[in-house]
Each structure stands twice: as structure tokens, then as C-alpha cells.
């Protein structure tokens, strides 16, 4: 049960990060660039979390 909840939270977080990146790309300004950077940082955290078990 805990594994399924963790997987669902990761998918929701991934979708949120993708939303930040795509929405920030469609508009212009420093605020939207910051949104893109936060989204990219979130994706990097997810990638780090996935690769952590292989090292």
C-alpha cells in the first residue's frame, strides 16, 4: 500500500513539474523563467530519487 501511494505521489509531482515547465515556456518574463527552473529542479529530484537505488 505504501509503495502504491509513493508511486501515485511521484506521478502527480511529475505532472506538476511538467505543467510548470510547459506553462512557463509559453509566456515571457522572469517569473515564468523561475517557474521553469523550479519545474526542472523537480524533475531532477525525481531522477535522483529513481537512480538512488542503483548506486
N, C-alpha and C. Protein backbone atom coordinates (compact mmCIF):
# COMPACT_ATOMS: atom_id res chain seq x y z
N UNK A 1 0.82 -1.19 0.00
CA UNK A 1 0.00 0.00 0.00
C UNK A 1 0.87 1.26 0.00
N UNK A 2 1.93 1.26 0.81
CA UNK A 2 2.82 2.41 0.88
C UNK A 2 3.53 2.62 -0.46
N UNK A 3 3.89 1.53 -1.13
CA UNK A 3 4.56 1.62 -2.43
C UNK A 3 3.63 2.25 -3.47
N UNK A 4 2.35 1.87 -3.44
CA UNK A 4 1.41 2.43 -4.40
C UNK A 4 1.19 3.92 -4.16
N UNK A 5 1.09 4.33 -2.90
CA UNK A 5 0.90 5.73 -2.58
C UNK A 5 2.12 6.55 -3.01
N UNK A 6 3.30 6.01 -2.79
CA UNK A 6 4.53 6.69 -3.20
C UNK A 6 4.57 6.85 -4.72
N UNK A 7 4.18 5.83 -5.44
CA UNK A 7 4.18 5.89 -6.90
C UNK A 7 3.17 6.92 -7.41
N UNK A 8 2.00 6.98 -6.80
CA UNK A 8 0.99 7.96 -7.21
C UNK A 8 1.47 9.38 -6.93
N UNK A 9 2.10 9.60 -5.77
CA UNK A 9 2.62 10.93 -5.46
C UNK A 9 3.72 11.35 -6.42
N UNK A 10 4.55 10.41 -6.83
CA UNK A 10 5.60 10.73 -7.80
C UNK A 10 5.02 11.10 -9.16
N UNK A 11 3.98 10.41 -9.58
CA UNK A 11 3.34 10.74 -10.85
C UNK A 11 2.69 12.11 -10.80
N UNK A 12 2.02 12.41 -9.69
CA UNK A 12 1.39 13.72 -9.54
C UNK A 12 2.45 14.82 -9.52
N UNK A 13 3.55 14.60 -8.81
CA UNK A 13 4.64 15.57 -8.76
C UNK A 13 5.26 15.76 -10.14
N UNK A 14 5.42 14.67 -10.90
CA UNK A 14 5.94 14.75 -12.26
C UNK A 14 5.03 15.59 -13.14
N UNK A 15 3.74 15.35 -13.06
CA UNK A 15 2.80 16.12 -13.88
C UNK A 15 2.81 17.59 -13.50
N UNK A 16 2.92 17.89 -12.21
CA UNK A 16 3.00 19.27 -11.75
C UNK A 16 4.26 19.95 -12.29
N UNK A 17 5.39 19.26 -12.25
CA UNK A 17 6.64 19.83 -12.77
C UNK A 17 6.54 20.06 -14.28
N UNK A 18 5.95 19.13 -14.99
CA UNK A 18 5.78 19.32 -16.43
C UNK A 18 4.87 20.50 -16.72
N UNK A 19 3.82 20.67 -15.91
CA UNK A 19 2.95 21.82 -16.08
C UNK A 19 3.72 23.12 -15.89
N UNK A 20 4.57 23.19 -14.87
CA UNK A 20 5.36 24.39 -14.64
C UNK A 20 6.28 24.69 -15.81
N UNK A 21 6.90 23.68 -16.36
CA UNK A 21 7.82 23.87 -17.48
C UNK A 21 7.07 24.33 -18.72
N UNK A 22 5.99 23.66 -19.05
CA UNK A 22 5.25 23.99 -20.27
C UNK A 22 4.58 25.35 -20.16
N UNK A 23 3.97 25.65 -19.01
CA UNK A 23 3.31 26.94 -18.84
C UNK A 23 4.32 28.08 -18.84
N UNK A 24 5.45 27.87 -18.22
CA UNK A 24 6.49 28.90 -18.19
C UNK A 24 7.09 29.14 -19.56
N UNK A 25 7.14 28.13 -20.40
CA UNK A 25 7.71 28.27 -21.73
C UNK A 25 6.80 29.06 -22.64
N UNK A 26 5.51 29.02 -22.40
CA UNK A 26 4.55 29.68 -23.29
C UNK A 26 4.43 31.17 -23.02
N UNK A 27 5.00 31.66 -21.94
CA UNK A 27 4.90 33.07 -21.58
C UNK A 27 6.29 33.67 -21.42
N UNK A 28 6.35 35.00 -21.25
CA UNK A 28 7.62 35.70 -21.18
C UNK A 28 7.72 36.43 -19.85
N UNK A 29 8.89 36.39 -19.26
CA UNK A 29 9.13 37.15 -18.03
C UNK A 29 9.99 36.37 -17.06
N UNK A 30 10.50 37.09 -16.09
CA UNK A 30 11.37 36.46 -15.09
C UNK A 30 10.61 35.47 -14.22
N UNK A 31 9.39 35.81 -13.89
CA UNK A 31 8.60 34.92 -13.04
C UNK A 31 8.39 33.57 -13.71
N UNK A 32 8.12 33.61 -14.99
CA UNK A 32 7.86 32.37 -15.72
C UNK A 32 9.14 31.57 -15.94
N UNK A 33 10.27 32.27 -16.08
CA UNK A 33 11.56 31.57 -16.14
C UNK A 33 11.83 30.86 -14.82
N UNK A 34 11.52 31.52 -13.71
CA UNK A 34 11.68 30.90 -12.40
C UNK A 34 10.78 29.67 -12.27
N UNK A 35 9.56 29.75 -12.81
CA UNK A 35 8.65 28.59 -12.79
C UNK A 35 9.27 27.42 -13.55
N UNK A 36 9.87 27.72 -14.70
CA UNK A 36 10.52 26.66 -15.48
C UNK A 36 11.68 26.04 -14.71
N UNK A 37 12.46 26.87 -14.04
CA UNK A 37 13.60 26.35 -13.28
C UNK A 37 13.15 25.49 -12.10
N UNK A 38 12.06 25.88 -11.45
CA UNK A 38 11.52 25.07 -10.36
C UNK A 38 11.03 23.72 -10.90
N UNK A 39 10.36 23.75 -12.04
CA UNK A 39 9.90 22.50 -12.66
C UNK A 39 11.06 21.60 -13.05
N UNK A 40 12.11 22.19 -13.61
CA UNK A 40 13.28 21.41 -13.98
C UNK A 40 13.97 20.83 -12.75
N UNK A 41 14.05 21.63 -11.69
CA UNK A 41 14.62 21.12 -10.44
C UNK A 41 13.81 19.96 -9.89
N UNK A 42 12.50 20.04 -9.99
CA UNK A 42 11.64 18.94 -9.54
C UNK A 42 11.88 17.67 -10.34
N UNK A 43 12.05 17.81 -11.65
CA UNK A 43 12.34 16.63 -12.47
C UNK A 43 13.69 16.02 -12.11
N UNK A 44 14.66 16.88 -11.81
CA UNK A 44 15.97 16.37 -11.40
C UNK A 44 15.90 15.64 -10.07
N UNK A 45 15.06 16.13 -9.16
CA UNK A 45 14.88 15.44 -7.88
C UNK A 45 14.25 14.06 -8.11
N UNK A 46 13.27 13.98 -8.99
CA UNK A 46 12.66 12.68 -9.29
C UNK A 46 13.68 11.73 -9.93
N UNK A 47 14.51 12.25 -10.83
CA UNK A 47 15.54 11.42 -11.46
C UNK A 47 16.56 10.94 -10.43
N UNK A 48 16.97 11.84 -9.53
CA UNK A 48 17.89 11.45 -8.46
C UNK A 48 17.28 10.37 -7.58
N UNK A 49 16.01 10.53 -7.25
CA UNK A 49 15.33 9.55 -6.38
C UNK A 49 15.24 8.18 -7.07
N UNK A 50 15.03 8.17 -8.38
CA UNK A 50 14.97 6.91 -9.11
C UNK A 50 16.34 6.24 -9.17
N UNK A 51 17.39 7.01 -9.45
CA UNK A 51 18.72 6.45 -9.61
C UNK A 51 19.40 6.13 -8.29
N UNK A 52 18.88 6.62 -7.19
CA UNK A 52 19.50 6.41 -5.87
C UNK A 52 19.61 4.93 -5.52
N UNK A 53 18.65 4.13 -5.94
CA UNK A 53 18.66 2.71 -5.56
C UNK A 53 19.66 1.89 -6.39
N UNK A 54 20.21 2.47 -7.46
CA UNK A 54 21.15 1.74 -8.32
C UNK A 54 22.60 2.05 -8.00
N UNK A 55 22.86 2.95 -7.08
CA UNK A 55 24.25 3.29 -6.77
C UNK A 55 24.69 2.66 -5.48
